[in-house]
PDB file of N, CA and C in Angstrom:
ATOM      1  N   MET A   1     -45.631  79.547 159.013  1.00  0.00           N
ATOM      2  CA  MET A   1     -46.095  80.775 159.617  1.00  0.00           C
ATOM      3  C   MET A   1     -45.265  81.929 159.059  1.00  0.00           C
ATOM      4  N   LYS A   2     -45.917  83.077 158.930  1.00  0.00           N
ATOM      5  CA  LYS A   2     -45.273  84.252 158.355  1.00  0.00           C
ATOM      6  C   LYS A   2     -45.199  85.378 159.376  1.00  0.00           C
ATOM      7  N   GLY A   3     -44.117  86.159 159.276  1.00  0.00           N
ATOM      8  CA  GLY A   3     -43.927  87.304 160.149  1.00  0.00           C
ATOM      9  C   GLY A   3     -43.256  88.433 159.397  1.00  0.00           C
ATOM     10  N   ALA A   4     -43.240  89.604 160.011  1.00  0.00           N
ATOM     11  CA  ALA A   4     -42.645  90.785 159.386  1.00  0.00           C
ATOM     12  C   ALA A   4     -41.642  91.434 160.320  1.00  0.00           C
ATOM     13  N   LEU A   5     -40.581  91.974 159.725  1.00  0.00           N
ATOM     14  CA  LEU A   5     -39.505  92.646 160.457  1.00  0.00           C
ATOM     15  C   LEU A   5     -39.320  94.051 159.896  1.00  0.00           C
ATOM     16  N   ILE A   6     -39.340  95.023 160.785  1.00  0.00           N
ATOM     17  CA  ILE A   6     -39.195  96.424 160.394  1.00  0.00           C
ATOM     18  C   ILE A   6     -38.345  97.113 161.458  1.00  0.00           C
ATOM     19  N   ALA A   7     -37.529  98.068 161.059  1.00  0.00           N
ATOM     20  CA  ALA A   7     -36.771  98.848 162.041  1.00  0.00           C
ATOM     21  C   ALA A   7     -36.512 100.244 161.499  1.00  0.00           C
ATOM     22  N   HIS A   8     -36.733 101.223 162.346  1.00  0.00           N
ATOM     23  CA  HIS A   8     -36.336 102.585 161.993  1.00  0.00           C
ATOM     24  C   HIS A   8     -34.810 102.642 161.911  1.00  0.00           C
ATOM     25  N   ASP A   9     -34.286 103.657 161.258  1.00  0.00           N
ATOM     26  CA  ASP A   9     -32.850 103.751 160.982  1.00  0.00           C
ATOM     27  C   ASP A   9     -31.979 103.551 162.217  1.00  0.00           C
ATOM     28  N   ASN A  10     -32.316 104.211 163.310  1.00  0.00           N
ATOM     29  CA  ASN A  10     -31.495 104.105 164.525  1.00  0.00           C
ATOM     30  C   ASN A  10     -31.634 102.765 165.239  1.00  0.00           C
ATOM     31  N   MET A  11     -32.532 101.911 164.752  1.00  0.00           N
ATOM     32  CA  MET A  11     -32.800 100.628 165.402  1.00  0.00           C
ATOM     33  C   MET A  11     -32.373  99.427 164.549  1.00  0.00           C
ATOM     34  N   LYS A  12     -31.868  99.685 163.353  1.00  0.00           N
ATOM     35  CA  LYS A  12     -31.527  98.583 162.443  1.00  0.00           C
ATOM     36  C   LYS A  12     -30.433  97.675 163.022  1.00  0.00           C
ATOM     37  N   ASP A  13     -29.409  98.244 163.639  1.00  0.00           N
ATOM     38  CA  ASP A  13     -28.356  97.418 164.229  1.00  0.00           C
ATOM     39  C   ASP A  13     -28.909  96.531 165.343  1.00  0.00           C
ATOM     40  N   ASP A  14     -29.831  97.065 166.124  1.00  0.00           N
ATOM     41  CA  ASP A  14     -30.457  96.272 167.181  1.00  0.00           C
ATOM     42  C   ASP A  14     -31.242  95.101 166.592  1.00  0.00           C
ATOM     43  N   LEU A  15     -31.934  95.346 165.480  1.00  0.00           N
ATOM     44  CA  LEU A  15     -32.696  94.270 164.857  1.00  0.00           C
ATOM     45  C   LEU A  15     -31.765  93.206 164.279  1.00  0.00           C
ATOM     46  N   VAL A  16     -30.656  93.629 163.706  1.00  0.00           N
ATOM     47  CA  VAL A  16     -29.672  92.663 163.197  1.00  0.00           C
ATOM     48  C   VAL A  16     -29.189  91.777 164.339  1.00  0.00           C
ATOM     49  N   GLU A  17     -28.794  92.381 165.444  1.00  0.00           N
ATOM     50  CA  GLU A  17     -28.311  91.621 166.597  1.00  0.00           C
ATOM     51  C   GLU A  17     -29.394  90.669 167.114  1.00  0.00           C
ATOM     52  N   PHE A  18     -30.616  91.153 167.196  1.00  0.00           N
ATOM     53  CA  PHE A  18     -31.743  90.336 167.644  1.00  0.00           C
ATOM     54  C   PHE A  18     -31.933  89.132 166.714  1.00  0.00           C
ATOM     55  N   CYS A  19     -31.896  89.384 165.419  1.00  0.00           N
ATOM     56  CA  CYS A  19     -32.093  88.312 164.448  1.00  0.00           C
ATOM     57  C   CYS A  19     -30.952  87.289 164.494  1.00  0.00           C
ATOM     58  N   LEU A  20     -29.744  87.755 164.721  1.00  0.00           N
ATOM     59  CA  LEU A  20     -28.622  86.821 164.864  1.00  0.00           C
ATOM     60  C   LEU A  20     -28.804  85.944 166.103  1.00  0.00           C
ATOM     61  N   GLU A  21     -29.281  86.542 167.195  1.00  0.00           N
ATOM     62  CA  GLU A  21     -29.517  85.792 168.425  1.00  0.00           C
ATOM     63  C   GLU A  21     -30.619  84.745 168.244  1.00  0.00           C
ATOM     64  N   HIS A  22     -31.588  85.033 167.390  1.00  0.00           N
ATOM     65  CA  HIS A  22     -32.749  84.165 167.203  1.00  0.00           C
ATOM     66  C   HIS A  22     -32.799  83.550 165.799  1.00  0.00           C
ATOM     67  N   LYS A  23     -31.660  83.498 165.145  1.00  0.00           N
ATOM     68  CA  LYS A  23     -31.622  83.063 163.749  1.00  0.00           C
ATOM     69  C   LYS A  23     -32.211  81.663 163.550  1.00  0.00           C
ATOM     70  N   LYS A  24     -31.870  80.738 164.421  1.00  0.00           N
ATOM     71  CA  LYS A  24     -32.359  79.362 164.279  1.00  0.00           C
ATOM     72  C   LYS A  24     -33.889  79.325 164.302  1.00  0.00           C
ATOM     73  N   LEU A  25     -34.491  80.073 165.200  1.00  0.00           N
ATOM     74  CA  LEU A  25     -35.948  80.119 165.285  1.00  0.00           C
ATOM     75  C   LEU A  25     -36.548  80.871 164.100  1.00  0.00           C
ATOM     76  N   LEU A  26     -35.998  82.033 163.774  1.00  0.00           N
ATOM     77  CA  LEU A  26     -36.540  82.847 162.684  1.00  0.00           C
ATOM     78  C   LEU A  26     -36.462  82.133 161.341  1.00  0.00           C
ATOM     79  N   ALA A  27     -35.496  81.248 161.180  1.00  0.00           N
ATOM     80  CA  ALA A  27     -35.348  80.506 159.924  1.00  0.00           C
ATOM     81  C   ALA A  27     -36.542  79.591 159.658  1.00  0.00           C
ATOM     82  N   ASN A  28     -37.373  79.350 160.662  1.00  0.00           N
ATOM     83  CA  ASN A  28     -38.556  78.503 160.499  1.00  0.00           C
ATOM     84  C   ASN A  28     -39.751  79.249 159.917  1.00  0.00           C
ATOM     85  N   PHE A  29     -39.643  80.567 159.786  1.00  0.00           N
ATOM     86  CA  PHE A  29     -40.760  81.381 159.342  1.00  0.00           C
ATOM     87  C   PHE A  29     -40.514  81.965 157.958  1.00  0.00           C
ATOM     88  N   HIS A  30     -41.607  82.228 157.245  1.00  0.00           N
ATOM     89  CA  HIS A  30     -41.524  83.027 156.022  1.00  0.00           C
ATOM     90  C   HIS A  30     -41.525  84.476 156.499  1.00  0.00           C
ATOM     91  N   LEU A  31     -40.434  85.174 156.251  1.00  0.00           N
ATOM     92  CA  LEU A  31     -40.269  86.527 156.774  1.00  0.00           C
ATOM     93  C   LEU A  31     -40.377  87.574 155.675  1.00  0.00           C
ATOM     94  N   TYR A  32     -41.057  88.658 155.998  1.00  0.00           N
ATOM     95  CA  TYR A  32     -41.116  89.855 155.169  1.00  0.00           C
ATOM     96  C   TYR A  32     -40.357  90.951 155.909  1.00  0.00           C
ATOM     97  N   ALA A  33     -39.802  91.884 155.166  1.00  0.00           N
ATOM     98  CA  ALA A  33     -39.180  93.056 155.781  1.00  0.00           C
ATOM     99  C   ALA A  33     -39.295  94.226 154.819  1.00  0.00           C
ATOM    100  N   THR A  34     -39.328  95.411 155.382  1.00  0.00           N
ATOM    101  CA  THR A  34     -39.309  96.596 154.546  1.00  0.00           C
ATOM    102  C   THR A  34     -37.931  96.699 153.883  1.00  0.00           C
ATOM    103  N   GLY A  35     -37.862  97.430 152.794  1.00  0.00           N
ATOM    104  CA  GLY A  35     -36.724  97.455 151.894  1.00  0.00           C
ATOM    105  C   GLY A  35     -35.335  97.514 152.474  1.00  0.00           C
ATOM    106  N   THR A  36     -34.967  98.624 153.075  1.00  0.00           N
ATOM    107  CA  THR A  36     -33.611  98.784 153.586  1.00  0.00           C
ATOM    108  C   THR A  36     -33.343  97.810 154.724  1.00  0.00           C
ATOM    109  N   THR A  37     -34.298  97.662 155.609  1.00  0.00           N
ATOM    110  CA  THR A  37     -34.145  96.718 156.718  1.00  0.00           C
ATOM    111  C   THR A  37     -33.924  95.315 156.181  1.00  0.00           C
ATOM    112  N   GLY A  38     -34.714  94.917 155.201  1.00  0.00           N
ATOM    113  CA  GLY A  38     -34.570  93.586 154.605  1.00  0.00           C
ATOM    114  C   GLY A  38     -33.209  93.372 153.986  1.00  0.00           C
ATOM    115  N   THR A  39     -32.727  94.361 153.258  1.00  0.00           N
ATOM    116  CA  THR A  39     -31.406  94.252 152.628  1.00  0.00           C
ATOM    117  C   THR A  39     -30.323  94.044 153.674  1.00  0.00           C
ATOM    118  N   ILE A  40     -30.365  94.841 154.728  1.00  0.00           N
ATOM    119  CA  ILE A  40     -29.366  94.728 155.797  1.00  0.00           C
ATOM    120  C   ILE A  40     -29.460  93.375 156.483  1.00  0.00           C
ATOM    121  N   LEU A  41     -30.689  92.925 156.783  1.00  0.00           N
ATOM    122  CA  LEU A  41     -30.857  91.644 157.461  1.00  0.00           C
ATOM    123  C   LEU A  41     -30.369  90.477 156.612  1.00  0.00           C
ATOM    124  N   ILE A  42     -30.661  90.511 155.330  1.00  0.00           N
ATOM    125  CA  ILE A  42     -30.201  89.440 154.434  1.00  0.00           C
ATOM    126  C   ILE A  42     -28.681  89.398 154.417  1.00  0.00           C
ATOM    127  N   GLU A  43     -28.053  90.573 154.254  1.00  0.00           N
ATOM    128  CA  GLU A  43     -26.586  90.637 154.177  1.00  0.00           C
ATOM    129  C   GLU A  43     -25.915  90.213 155.475  1.00  0.00           C
ATOM    130  N   LYS A  44     -26.467  90.629 156.620  1.00  0.00           N
ATOM    131  CA  LYS A  44     -25.771  90.411 157.892  1.00  0.00           C
ATOM    132  C   LYS A  44     -26.190  89.150 158.635  1.00  0.00           C
ATOM    133  N   THR A  45     -27.363  88.569 158.269  1.00  0.00           N
ATOM    134  CA  THR A  45     -27.821  87.380 158.986  1.00  0.00           C
ATOM    135  C   THR A  45     -27.923  86.152 158.099  1.00  0.00           C
ATOM    136  N   GLY A  46     -28.051  86.364 156.795  1.00  0.00           N
ATOM    137  CA  GLY A  46     -28.236  85.233 155.890  1.00  0.00           C
ATOM    138  C   GLY A  46     -29.637  84.652 155.920  1.00  0.00           C
ATOM    139  N   LEU A  47     -30.556  85.283 156.636  1.00  0.00           N
ATOM    140  CA  LEU A  47     -31.933  84.801 156.669  1.00  0.00           C
ATOM    141  C   LEU A  47     -32.598  85.003 155.311  1.00  0.00           C
ATOM    142  N   ASP A  48     -33.522  84.123 154.988  1.00  0.00           N
ATOM    143  CA  ASP A  48     -34.305  84.231 153.760  1.00  0.00           C
ATOM    144  C   ASP A  48     -35.467  85.173 154.041  1.00  0.00           C
ATOM    145  N   ILE A  49     -35.440  86.344 153.430  1.00  0.00           N
ATOM    146  CA  ILE A  49     -36.419  87.390 153.727  1.00  0.00           C
ATOM    147  C   ILE A  49     -36.975  87.936 152.423  1.00  0.00           C
ATOM    148  N   GLU A  50     -38.291  88.047 152.359  1.00  0.00           N
ATOM    149  CA  GLU A  50     -38.954  88.668 151.209  1.00  0.00           C
ATOM    150  C   GLU A  50     -39.091  90.159 151.491  1.00  0.00           C
ATOM    151  N   ARG A  51     -38.483  90.960 150.630  1.00  0.00           N
ATOM    152  CA  ARG A  51     -38.490  92.402 150.833  1.00  0.00           C
ATOM    153  C   ARG A  51     -39.689  93.058 150.160  1.00  0.00           C
ATOM    154  N   VAL A  52     -40.232  94.080 150.828  1.00  0.00           N
ATOM    155  CA  VAL A  52     -41.224  94.960 150.222  1.00  0.00           C
ATOM    156  C   VAL A  52     -40.550  96.325 150.088  1.00  0.00           C
ATOM    157  N   LEU A  53     -41.286  97.342 149.748  1.00  0.00           N
ATOM    158  CA  LEU A  53     -40.707  98.678 149.599  1.00  0.00           C
ATOM    159  C   LEU A  53     -40.163  99.191 150.930  1.00  0.00           C
ATOM    160  N   SER A  54     -39.309 100.196 150.856  1.00  0.00           N
ATOM    161  CA  SER A  54     -38.842 100.883 152.049  1.00  0.00           C
ATOM    162  C   SER A  54     -40.044 101.493 152.770  1.00  0.00           C
ATOM    163  N   GLY A  55     -39.983 101.544 154.097  1.00  0.00           N
ATOM    164  CA  GLY A  55     -41.104 102.047 154.889  1.00  0.00           C
ATOM    165  C   GLY A  55     -41.680 103.370 154.409  1.00  0.00           C
ATOM    166  N   PRO A  56     -40.863 104.423 154.267  1.00  0.00           N
ATOM    167  CA  PRO A  56     -41.395 105.716 153.840  1.00  0.00           C
ATOM    168  C   PRO A  56     -41.935 105.722 152.410  1.00  0.00           C
ATOM    169  N   LEU A  57     -41.573 104.716 151.619  1.00  0.00           N
ATOM    170  CA  LEU A  57     -42.030 104.656 150.228  1.00  0.00           C
ATOM    171  C   LEU A  57     -43.224 103.727 150.046  1.00  0.00           C
ATOM    172  N   GLY A  58     -43.827 103.300 151.158  1.00  0.00           N
ATOM    173  CA  GLY A  58     -45.015 102.456 151.086  1.00  0.00           C
ATOM    174  C   GLY A  58     -44.853 101.083 151.704  1.00  0.00           C
ATOM    175  N   GLY A  59     -43.654 100.751 152.158  1.00  0.00           N
ATOM    176  CA  GLY A  59     -43.421  99.437 152.739  1.00  0.00           C
ATOM    177  C   GLY A  59     -44.222  99.175 153.999  1.00  0.00           C
ATOM    178  N   ASP A  60     -44.380 100.195 154.846  1.00  0.00           N
ATOM    179  CA  ASP A  60     -45.200 100.025 156.047  1.00  0.00           C
ATOM    180  C   ASP A  60     -46.637  99.698 155.649  1.00  0.00           C
ATOM    181  N   GLN A  61     -47.116 100.337 154.596  1.00  0.00           N
ATOM    182  CA  GLN A  61     -48.470 100.070 154.117  1.00  0.00           C
ATOM    183  C   GLN A  61     -48.571  98.673 153.511  1.00  0.00           C
ATOM    184  N   GLN A  62     -47.512  98.220 152.830  1.00  0.00           N
ATOM    185  CA  GLN A  62     -47.526  96.865 152.282  1.00  0.00           C
ATOM    186  C   GLN A  62     -47.580  95.826 153.408  1.00  0.00           C
ATOM    187  N   ILE A  63     -46.815  96.050 154.461  1.00  0.00           N
ATOM    188  CA  ILE A  63     -46.878  95.148 155.617  1.00  0.00           C
ATOM    189  C   ILE A  63     -48.276  95.241 156.236  1.00  0.00           C
ATOM    190  N   GLY A  64     -48.827  96.445 156.294  1.00  0.00           N
ATOM    191  CA  GLY A  64     -50.193  96.623 156.797  1.00  0.00           C
ATOM    192  C   GLY A  64     -51.205  95.830 155.997  1.00  0.00           C
ATOM    193  N   SER A  65     -51.012  95.761 154.701  1.00  0.00           N
ATOM    194  CA  SER A  65     -51.899  94.972 153.850  1.00  0.00           C
ATOM    195  C   SER A  65     -51.808  93.492 154.201  1.00  0.00           C
ATOM    196  N   LEU A  66     -50.595  93.013 154.447  1.00  0.00           N
ATOM    197  CA  LEU A  66     -50.418  91.616 154.861  1.00  0.00           C
ATOM    198  C   LEU A  66     -51.108  91.362 156.197  1.00  0.00           C
ATOM    199  N   VAL A  67     -51.039  92.336 157.097  1.00  0.00           N
ATOM    200  CA  VAL A  67     -51.718  92.226 158.391  1.00  0.00           C
ATOM    201  C   VAL A  67     -53.227  92.182 158.182  1.00  0.00           C
ATOM    202  N   ALA A  68     -53.750  93.105 157.373  1.00  0.00           N
ATOM    203  CA  ALA A  68     -55.200  93.179 157.142  1.00  0.00           C
ATOM    204  C   ALA A  68     -55.731  91.898 156.515  1.00  0.00           C
ATOM    205  N   GLU A  69     -54.934  91.281 155.675  1.00  0.00           N
ATOM    206  CA  GLU A  69     -55.330  90.020 155.032  1.00  0.00           C
ATOM    207  C   GLU A  69     -54.994  88.817 155.904  1.00  0.00           C
ATOM    208  N   GLU A  70     -54.471  89.084 157.110  1.00  0.00           N
ATOM    209  CA  GLU A  70     -54.078  88.061 158.071  1.00  0.00           C
ATOM    210  C   GLU A  70     -53.108  87.045 157.467  1.00  0.00           C
ATOM    211  N   LYS A  71     -52.177  87.568 156.679  1.00  0.00           N
ATOM    212  CA  LYS A  71     -51.138  86.742 156.066  1.00  0.00           C
ATOM    213  C   LYS A  71     -49.877  86.682 156.917  1.00  0.00           C
ATOM    214  N   VAL A  72     -49.772  87.549 157.916  1.00  0.00           N
ATOM    215  CA  VAL A  72     -48.672  87.470 158.878  1.00  0.00           C
ATOM    216  C   VAL A  72     -49.277  87.291 160.262  1.00  0.00           C
ATOM    217  N   LYS A  73     -48.557  86.574 161.115  1.00  0.00           N
ATOM    218  CA  LYS A  73     -49.051  86.299 162.466  1.00  0.00           C
ATOM    219  C   LYS A  73     -48.334  87.122 163.523  1.00  0.00           C
ATOM    220  N   PHE A  74     -47.200  87.726 163.137  1.00  0.00           N
ATOM    221  CA  PHE A  74     -46.496  88.594 164.080  1.00  0.00           C
ATOM    222  C   PHE A  74     -45.713  89.639 163.306  1.00  0.00           C
ATOM    223  N   VAL A  75     -45.511  90.785 163.960  1.00  0.00           N
ATOM    224  CA  VAL A  75     -44.721  91.881 163.404  1.00  0.00           C
ATOM    225  C   VAL A  75     -43.738  92.316 164.483  1.00  0.00           C
ATOM    226  N   ILE A  76     -42.478  92.380 164.124  1.00  0.00           N
ATOM    227  CA  ILE A  76     -41.469  92.969 165.000  1.00  0.00           C
ATOM    228  C   ILE A  76     -41.052  94.279 164.346  1.00  0.00           C
ATOM    229  N   PHE A  77     -41.402  95.371 164.991  1.00  0.00           N
ATOM    230  CA  PHE A  77     -41.170  96.708 164.443  1.00  0.00           C
ATOM    231  C   PHE A  77     -40.422  97.512 165.494  1.00  0.00           C
ATOM    232  N   LEU A  78     -39.109  97.509 165.395  1.00  0.00           N
ATOM    233  CA  LEU A  78     -38.304  98.268 166.345  1.00  0.00           C
ATOM    234  C   LEU A  78     -38.361  99.740 165.963  1.00  0.00           C
ATOM    235  N   ARG A  79     -39.156 100.469 166.723  1.00  0.00           N
ATOM    236  CA  ARG A  79     -39.389 101.882 166.457  1.00  0.00           C
ATOM    237  C   ARG A  79     -38.414 102.728 167.252  1.00  0.00           C
ATOM    238  N   ASP A  80     -38.067 103.857 166.684  1.00  0.00           N
ATOM    239  CA  ASP A  80     -37.232 104.834 167.386  1.00  0.00           C
ATOM    240  C   ASP A  80     -38.180 105.867 167.990  1.00  0.00           C
ATOM    241  N   PRO A  81     -38.477 105.753 169.286  1.00  0.00           N
ATOM    242  CA  PRO A  81     -39.467 106.646 169.883  1.00  0.00           C
ATOM    243  C   PRO A  81     -38.973 108.075 170.093  1.00  0.00           C
ATOM    244  N   LEU A  82     -37.680 108.309 169.899  1.00  0.00           N
ATOM    245  CA  LEU A  82     -37.124 109.637 170.166  1.00  0.00           C
ATOM    246  C   LEU A  82     -36.833 110.451 168.912  1.00  0.00           C
ATOM    247  N   THR A  83     -37.130 109.888 167.746  1.00  0.00           N
ATOM    248  CA  THR A  83     -36.879 110.591 166.490  1.00  0.00           C
ATOM    249  C   THR A  83     -38.172 110.695 165.696  1.00  0.00           C
ATOM    250  N   ALA A  84     -38.517 111.905 165.273  1.00  0.00           N
ATOM    251  CA  ALA A  84     -39.718 112.101 164.456  1.00  0.00           C
ATOM    252  C   ALA A  84     -39.554 111.381 163.126  1.00  0.00           C
ATOM    253  N   GLN A  85     -40.610 110.726 162.690  1.00  0.00           N
ATOM    254  CA  GLN A  85     -40.590 109.999 161.426  1.00  0.00           C
ATOM    255  C   GLN A  85     -41.525 110.700 160.440  1.00  0.00           C
ATOM    256  N   PRO A  86     -41.058 110.994 159.231  1.00  0.00           N
ATOM    257  CA  PRO A  86     -41.921 111.684 158.268  1.00  0.00           C
ATOM    258  C   PRO A  86     -43.115 110.836 157.833  1.00  0.00           C
ATOM    259  N   HIS A  87     -43.017 109.531 157.988  1.00  0.00           N
ATOM    260  CA  HIS A  87     -44.117 108.648 157.600  1.00  0.00           C
ATOM    261  C   HIS A  87     -44.879 108.125 158.823  1.00  0.00           C
ATOM    262  N   GLU A  88     -44.915 108.917 159.884  1.00  0.00           N
ATOM    263  CA  GLU A  88     -45.588 108.520 161.137  1.00  0.00           C
ATOM    264  C   GLU A  88     -47.045 108.103 160.940  1.00  0.00           C
ATOM    265  N   PRO A  89     -47.810 108.761 160.050  1.00  0.00           N
ATOM    266  CA  PRO A  89     -49.192 108.283 159.837  1.00  0.00           C
ATOM    267  C   PRO A  89     -49.238 106.826 159.342  1.00  0.00           C
ATOM    268  N   ASP A  90     -48.280 106.440 158.513  1.00  0.00           N
ATOM    269  CA  ASP A  90     -48.234 105.048 158.043  1.00  0.00           C
ATOM    270  C   ASP A  90     -47.896 104.103 159.189  1.00  0.00           C
ATOM    271  N   VAL A  91     -46.993 104.536 160.051  1.00  0.00           N
ATOM    272  CA  VAL A  91     -46.606 103.731 161.214  1.00  0.00           C
ATOM    273  C   VAL A  91     -47.824 103.527 162.115  1.00  0.00           C
ATOM    274  N   GLN A  92     -48.543 104.612 162.397  1.00  0.00           N
ATOM    275  CA  GLN A  92     -49.724 104.514 163.260  1.00  0.00           C
ATOM    276  C   GLN A  92     -50.798 103.626 162.630  1.00  0.00           C
ATOM    277  N   ALA A  93     -50.951 103.712 161.323  1.00  0.00           N
ATOM    278  CA  ALA A  93     -51.933 102.861 160.633  1.00  0.00           C
ATOM    279  C   ALA A  93     -51.556 101.388 160.766  1.00  0.00           C
ATOM    280  N   LEU A  94     -50.274 101.078 160.655  1.00  0.00           N
ATOM    281  CA  LEU A  94     -49.819  99.692 160.805  1.00  0.00           C
ATOM    282  C   LEU A  94     -50.090  99.190 162.223  1.00  0.00           C
ATOM    283  N   LEU A  95     -49.770  99.989 163.223  1.00  0.00           N
ATOM    284  CA  LEU A  95     -50.025  99.602 164.607  1.00  0.00           C
ATOM    285  C   LEU A  95     -51.516  99.373 164.843  1.00  0.00           C
ATOM    286  N   ARG A  96     -52.327 100.249 164.292  1.00  0.00           N
ATOM    287  CA  ARG A  96     -53.783 100.121 164.445  1.00  0.00           C
ATOM    288  C   ARG A  96     -54.284  98.840 163.787  1.00  0.00           C
ATOM    289  N   LEU A  97     -53.779  98.518 162.593  1.00  0.00           N
ATOM    290  CA  LEU A  97     -54.190  97.289 161.910  1.00  0.00           C
ATOM    291  C   LEU A  97     -53.822  96.053 162.723  1.00  0.00           C
ATOM    292  N   CYS A  98     -52.643  96.069 163.330  1.00  0.00           N
ATOM    293  CA  CYS A  98     -52.254  94.935 164.182  1.00  0.00           C
ATOM    294  C   CYS A  98     -53.231  94.782 165.342  1.00  0.00           C
ATOM    295  N   ASP A  99     -53.650  95.899 165.930  1.00  0.00           N
ATOM    296  CA  ASP A  99     -54.621  95.838 167.016  1.00  0.00           C
ATOM    297  C   ASP A  99     -55.973  95.318 166.528  1.00  0.00           C
ATOM    298  N   VAL A 100     -56.452  95.845 165.421  1.00  0.00           N
ATOM    299  CA  VAL A 100     -57.759  95.453 164.890  1.00  0.00           C
ATOM    300  C   VAL A 100     -57.791  93.964 164.546  1.00  0.00           C
ATOM    301  N   HIS A 101     -56.716  93.467 163.956  1.00  0.00           N
ATOM    302  CA  HIS A 101     -56.676  92.073 163.505  1.00  0.00           C
ATOM    303  C   HIS A 101     -56.026  91.133 164.521  1.00  0.00           C
ATOM    304  N   GLU A 102     -55.740  91.685 165.712  1.00  0.00           N
ATOM    305  CA  GLU A 102     -55.153  90.900 166.802  1.00  0.00           C
ATOM    306  C   GLU A 102     -53.891  90.155 166.371  1.00  0.00           C
ATOM    307  N   ILE A 103     -53.023  90.892 165.691  1.00  0.00           N
ATOM    308  CA  ILE A 103     -51.727  90.372 165.271  1.00  0.00           C
ATOM    309  C   ILE A 103     -50.699  90.830 166.308  1.00  0.00           C
ATOM    310  N   ALA A 104     -49.920  89.896 166.816  1.00  0.00           N
ATOM    311  CA  ALA A 104     -48.896  90.231 167.807  1.00  0.00           C
ATOM    312  C   ALA A 104     -47.892  91.200 167.191  1.00  0.00           C
ATOM    313  N   ILE A 105     -47.638  92.294 167.905  1.00  0.00           N
ATOM    314  CA  ILE A 105     -46.655  93.267 167.422  1.00  0.00           C
ATOM    315  C   ILE A 105     -45.726  93.645 168.566  1.00  0.00           C
ATOM    316  N   ALA A 106     -44.439  93.624 168.263  1.00  0.00           N
ATOM    317  CA  ALA A 106     -43.416  94.039 169.221  1.00  0.00           C
ATOM    318  C   ALA A 106     -42.798  95.320 168.704  1.00  0.00           C
ATOM    319  N   THR A 107     -42.695  96.308 169.571  1.00  0.00           N
ATOM    320  CA  THR A 107     -42.092  97.573 169.155  1.00  0.00           C
ATOM    321  C   THR A 107     -40.783  97.839 169.882  1.00  0.00           C
ATOM    322  N   ASN A 108     -40.325  96.858 170.663  1.00  0.00           N
ATOM    323  CA  ASN A 108     -39.036  96.973 171.348  1.00  0.00           C
ATOM    324  C   ASN A 108     -38.477  95.564 171.537  1.00  0.00           C
ATOM    325  N   LEU A 109     -37.232  95.476 171.951  1.00  0.00           N
ATOM    326  CA  LEU A 109     -36.559  94.178 172.042  1.00  0.00           C
ATOM    327  C   LEU A 109     -37.180  93.252 173.088  1.00  0.00           C
ATOM    328  N   THR A 110     -37.646  93.803 174.191  1.00  0.00           N
ATOM    329  CA  THR A 110     -38.249  92.962 175.218  1.00  0.00           C
ATOM    330  C   THR A 110     -39.518  92.293 174.715  1.00  0.00           C
ATOM    331  N   SER A 111     -40.387  93.068 174.085  1.00  0.00           N
ATOM    332  CA  SER A 111     -41.626  92.465 173.570  1.00  0.00           C
ATOM    333  C   SER A 111     -41.332  91.523 172.406  1.00  0.00           C
ATOM    334  N   ALA A 112     -40.300  91.795 171.632  1.00  0.00           N
ATOM    335  CA  ALA A 112     -39.912  90.889 170.550  1.00  0.00           C
ATOM    336  C   ALA A 112     -39.441  89.544 171.120  1.00  0.00           C
ATOM    337  N   ASP A 113     -38.656  89.596 172.188  1.00  0.00           N
ATOM    338  CA  ASP A 113     -38.221  88.364 172.860  1.00  0.00           C
ATOM    339  C   ASP A 113     -39.416  87.557 173.356  1.00  0.00           C
ATOM    340  N   ILE A 114     -40.387  88.236 173.925  1.00  0.00           N
ATOM    341  CA  ILE A 114     -41.572  87.556 174.456  1.00  0.00           C
ATOM    342  C   ILE A 114     -42.345  86.874 173.330  1.00  0.00           C
ATOM    343  N   ILE A 115     -42.541  87.561 172.223  1.00  0.00           N
ATOM    344  CA  ILE A 115     -43.266  86.965 171.097  1.00  0.00           C
ATOM    345  C   ILE A 115     -42.530  85.733 170.583  1.00  0.00           C
ATOM    346  N   LEU A 116     -41.234  85.838 170.385  1.00  0.00           N
ATOM    347  CA  LEU A 116     -40.492  84.683 169.861  1.00  0.00           C
ATOM    348  C   LEU A 116     -40.438  83.540 170.857  1.00  0.00           C
ATOM    349  N   SER A 117     -40.346  83.843 172.141  1.00  0.00           N
ATOM    350  CA  SER A 117     -40.370  82.787 173.153  1.00  0.00           C
ATOM    351  C   SER A 117     -41.698  82.044 173.118  1.00  0.00           C
ATOM    352  N   TYR A 118     -42.779  82.780 172.981  1.00  0.00           N
ATOM    353  CA  TYR A 118     -44.097  82.157 172.887  1.00  0.00           C
ATOM    354  C   TYR A 118     -44.178  81.282 171.635  1.00  0.00           C
ATOM    355  N   LEU A 119     -43.754  81.811 170.491  1.00  0.00           N
ATOM    356  CA  LEU A 119     -43.820  81.047 169.243  1.00  0.00           C
ATOM    357  C   LEU A 119     -42.969  79.782 169.312  1.00  0.00           C
ATOM    358  N   GLU A 120     -41.805  79.903 169.918  1.00  0.00           N
ATOM    359  CA  GLU A 120     -40.924  78.743 170.043  1.00  0.00           C
ATOM    360  C   GLU A 120     -41.602  77.641 170.865  1.00  0.00           C
ATOM    361  N   GLU A 121     -42.215  78.036 171.964  1.00  0.00           N
ATOM    362  CA  GLU A 121     -42.896  77.052 172.813  1.00  0.00           C
ATOM    363  C   GLU A 121     -44.157  76.527 172.131  1.00  0.00           C
ATOM    364  N   PHE A 122     -44.957  77.425 171.560  1.00  0.00           N
ATOM    365  CA  PHE A 122     -46.227  77.062 170.922  1.00  0.00           C
ATOM    366  C   PHE A 122     -45.988  76.110 169.749  1.00  0.00           C
ATOM    367  N   LEU A 123     -44.969  76.387 168.956  1.00  0.00           N
ATOM    368  CA  LEU A 123     -44.684  75.572 167.775  1.00  0.00           C
ATOM    369  C   LEU A 123     -43.756  74.407 168.088  1.00  0.00           C
ATOM    370  N   ASN A 124     -43.275  74.351 169.344  1.00  0.00           N
ATOM    371  CA  ASN A 124     -42.373  73.284 169.787  1.00  0.00           C
ATOM    372  C   ASN A 124     -41.147  73.182 168.880  1.00  0.00           C
ATOM    373  N   ILE A 125     -40.510  74.322 168.651  1.00  0.00           N
ATOM    374  CA  ILE A 125     -39.307  74.377 167.817  1.00  0.00           C
ATOM    375  C   ILE A 125     -38.099  74.271 168.743  1.00  0.00           C
ATOM    376  N   GLN A 126     -37.228  73.364 168.458  1.00  0.00           N
ATOM    377  CA  GLN A 126     -36.028  73.153 169.285  1.00  0.00           C
ATOM    378  C   GLN A 126     -34.826  73.777 168.623  1.00  0.00           C
TER     379      GLN A 126
END
């Protein structure tokens, strides 16, 4: 199963901590991440992650393409709701694609925990 990890700048540390907490489970998936987020996650967690471009440079759209082709089954996108993003139209397009293709998307740590808990139980990963 494949999933995607994305985090706005102010949320990258939270995603690192989340991934460290769930490293054993996440290691079972083929993971994609946008450029800078992927680099940080690889360095700080040791997870095997396939990087695409940085979000503002087209990475959000690349993840959107994976969603549209139903190549990923979940997206964890820790968004910073209090900071304007110059690539907000790309972010909204990605969220819309997840809705259209019924791909689970978490935009905060609580929903990310719920998605991973479901996957762990559904896939019977110990």
